[in-house]
Amino acid sequence: MTYATDDLYDEVAYIAYHFHWDMDTILDLEHPDRRRYVTQIARLNRLATSGGR
């Protein structure tokens, strides 16, 4: 099974936007690690927009 190209681009763009990492660094991550960063960024964004609650 291959990972959908659009999903990969979404993950790379999301991490790059928030962490300012270059594409090669992000693509060097294993898929589960990339997903974990995406999840953590989303969690931090939710906390920031909800006032930390």
N, C-alpha and C. Protein backbone atom coordinates (compact mmCIF):
# COMPACT_ATOMS: atom_id res chain seq x y z
N MET A 1 0.84 -1.19 0.00
CA MET A 1 0.00 0.00 0.00
C MET A 1 0.88 1.24 0.00
N THR A 2 0.57 2.17 -0.85
CA THR A 2 1.32 3.42 -0.91
C THR A 2 0.53 4.52 -0.23
N TYR A 3 1.25 5.48 0.25
CA TYR A 3 0.63 6.61 0.93
C TYR A 3 0.20 7.62 -0.11
N ALA A 4 -1.00 8.14 0.01
CA ALA A 4 -1.55 9.08 -0.97
C ALA A 4 -0.67 10.32 -1.07
N THR A 5 -0.35 10.67 -2.31
CA THR A 5 0.54 11.81 -2.56
C THR A 5 -0.02 13.09 -1.97
N ASP A 6 -1.31 13.34 -2.15
CA ASP A 6 -1.90 14.58 -1.60
C ASP A 6 -1.78 14.62 -0.08
N ASP A 7 -1.96 13.50 0.58
CA ASP A 7 -1.83 13.44 2.04
C ASP A 7 -0.39 13.74 2.45
N LEU A 8 0.56 13.21 1.72
CA LEU A 8 1.97 13.46 2.03
C LEU A 8 2.29 14.94 1.87
N TYR A 9 1.84 15.56 0.78
CA TYR A 9 2.06 16.99 0.59
C TYR A 9 1.40 17.80 1.70
N ASP A 10 0.21 17.41 2.11
CA ASP A 10 -0.46 18.11 3.21
C ASP A 10 0.36 18.04 4.49
N GLU A 11 0.85 16.85 4.81
CA GLU A 11 1.66 16.69 6.02
C GLU A 11 2.93 17.53 5.95
N VAL A 12 3.62 17.46 4.82
CA VAL A 12 4.87 18.22 4.66
C VAL A 12 4.60 19.71 4.79
N ALA A 13 3.58 20.20 4.12
CA ALA A 13 3.26 21.63 4.17
C ALA A 13 2.91 22.06 5.59
N TYR A 14 2.13 21.25 6.28
CA TYR A 14 1.69 21.57 7.64
C TYR A 14 2.87 21.66 8.60
N ILE A 15 3.76 20.67 8.54
CA ILE A 15 4.93 20.68 9.43
C ILE A 15 5.88 21.80 9.04
N ALA A 16 6.12 21.98 7.75
CA ALA A 16 7.03 23.04 7.30
C ALA A 16 6.53 24.41 7.72
N TYR A 17 5.24 24.63 7.59
CA TYR A 17 4.64 25.91 7.96
C TYR A 17 4.85 26.21 9.44
N HIS A 18 4.64 25.23 10.28
CA HIS A 18 4.70 25.46 11.72
C HIS A 18 6.11 25.37 12.30
N PHE A 19 6.93 24.47 11.78
CA PHE A 19 8.27 24.27 12.34
C PHE A 19 9.38 24.90 11.49
N HIS A 20 9.04 25.33 10.27
CA HIS A 20 10.02 25.93 9.36
C HIS A 20 11.15 24.95 9.02
N TRP A 21 10.81 23.68 8.95
CA TRP A 21 11.77 22.66 8.54
C TRP A 21 11.74 22.56 7.03
N ASP A 22 12.89 22.17 6.44
CA ASP A 22 12.92 22.00 4.99
C ASP A 22 12.30 20.65 4.59
N MET A 23 11.95 20.55 3.33
CA MET A 23 11.24 19.38 2.83
C MET A 23 12.03 18.09 3.04
N ASP A 24 13.33 18.12 2.79
CA ASP A 24 14.14 16.91 2.95
C ASP A 24 14.12 16.40 4.38
N THR A 25 14.19 17.30 5.34
CA THR A 25 14.15 16.91 6.75
C THR A 25 12.83 16.22 7.07
N ILE A 26 11.74 16.79 6.59
CA ILE A 26 10.42 16.23 6.87
C ILE A 26 10.25 14.89 6.17
N LEU A 27 10.69 14.80 4.91
CA LEU A 27 10.55 13.55 4.17
C LEU A 27 11.43 12.44 4.73
N ASP A 28 12.51 12.81 5.43
CA ASP A 28 13.37 11.81 6.05
C ASP A 28 12.71 11.15 7.26
N LEU A 29 11.66 11.77 7.79
CA LEU A 29 10.95 11.18 8.93
C LEU A 29 10.17 9.95 8.48
N GLU A 30 10.09 8.97 9.35
CA GLU A 30 9.22 7.83 9.09
C GLU A 30 7.77 8.31 9.15
N HIS A 31 6.91 7.65 8.42
CA HIS A 31 5.51 8.07 8.36
C HIS A 31 4.87 8.22 9.75
N PRO A 32 5.03 7.24 10.66
CA PRO A 32 4.40 7.42 11.98
C PRO A 32 4.93 8.66 12.73
N ASP A 33 6.19 8.97 12.53
CA ASP A 33 6.75 10.17 13.18
C ASP A 33 6.16 11.44 12.59
N ARG A 34 6.03 11.48 11.25
CA ARG A 34 5.39 12.64 10.61
C ARG A 34 3.97 12.81 11.10
N ARG A 35 3.21 11.73 11.17
CA ARG A 35 1.83 11.80 11.65
C ARG A 35 1.78 12.30 13.09
N ARG A 36 2.73 11.87 13.89
CA ARG A 36 2.75 12.32 15.29
C ARG A 36 3.00 13.83 15.38
N TYR A 37 3.92 14.33 14.56
CA TYR A 37 4.14 15.78 14.55
C TYR A 37 2.89 16.52 14.11
N VAL A 38 2.20 16.03 13.08
CA VAL A 38 0.97 16.65 12.62
C VAL A 38 -0.06 16.68 13.75
N THR A 39 -0.20 15.57 14.45
CA THR A 39 -1.15 15.48 15.56
C THR A 39 -0.78 16.45 16.68
N GLN A 40 0.48 16.53 17.01
CA GLN A 40 0.92 17.41 18.10
C GLN A 40 0.75 18.88 17.72
N ILE A 41 1.06 19.23 16.47
CA ILE A 41 0.87 20.62 16.03
C ILE A 41 -0.61 20.98 16.13
N ALA A 42 -1.47 20.09 15.66
CA ALA A 42 -2.92 20.34 15.73
C ALA A 42 -3.37 20.52 17.17
N ARG A 43 -2.85 19.69 18.08
CA ARG A 43 -3.20 19.81 19.50
C ARG A 43 -2.76 21.16 20.05
N LEU A 44 -1.54 21.56 19.73
CA LEU A 44 -1.04 22.85 20.20
C LEU A 44 -1.86 24.01 19.63
N ASN A 45 -2.25 23.90 18.37
CA ASN A 45 -3.10 24.94 17.77
C ASN A 45 -4.44 25.02 18.47
N ARG A 46 -5.04 23.87 18.77
CA ARG A 46 -6.33 23.88 19.49
C ARG A 46 -6.17 24.52 20.86
N LEU A 47 -5.11 24.19 21.56
CA LEU A 47 -4.87 24.80 22.87
C LEU A 47 -4.70 26.31 22.77
N ALA A 48 -3.96 26.73 21.76
CA ALA A 48 -3.70 28.17 21.60
C ALA A 48 -4.98 28.93 21.27
N THR A 49 -5.84 28.33 20.46
CA THR A 49 -7.06 29.04 20.07
C THR A 49 -8.15 28.96 21.13
N SER A 50 -8.02 27.99 22.04
CA SER A 50 -9.03 27.87 23.10
C SER A 50 -8.58 28.55 24.39
N GLY A 51 -7.45 29.24 24.33
CA GLY A 51 -6.95 29.91 25.52
C GLY A 51 -6.27 28.98 26.49
N GLY A 52 -5.81 27.82 26.00
CA GLY A 52 -5.09 26.88 26.86
C GLY A 52 -5.97 25.95 27.65
N ARG A 53 -7.25 25.92 27.34
CA ARG A 53 -8.17 25.06 28.09
C ARG A 53 -8.35 23.74 27.44
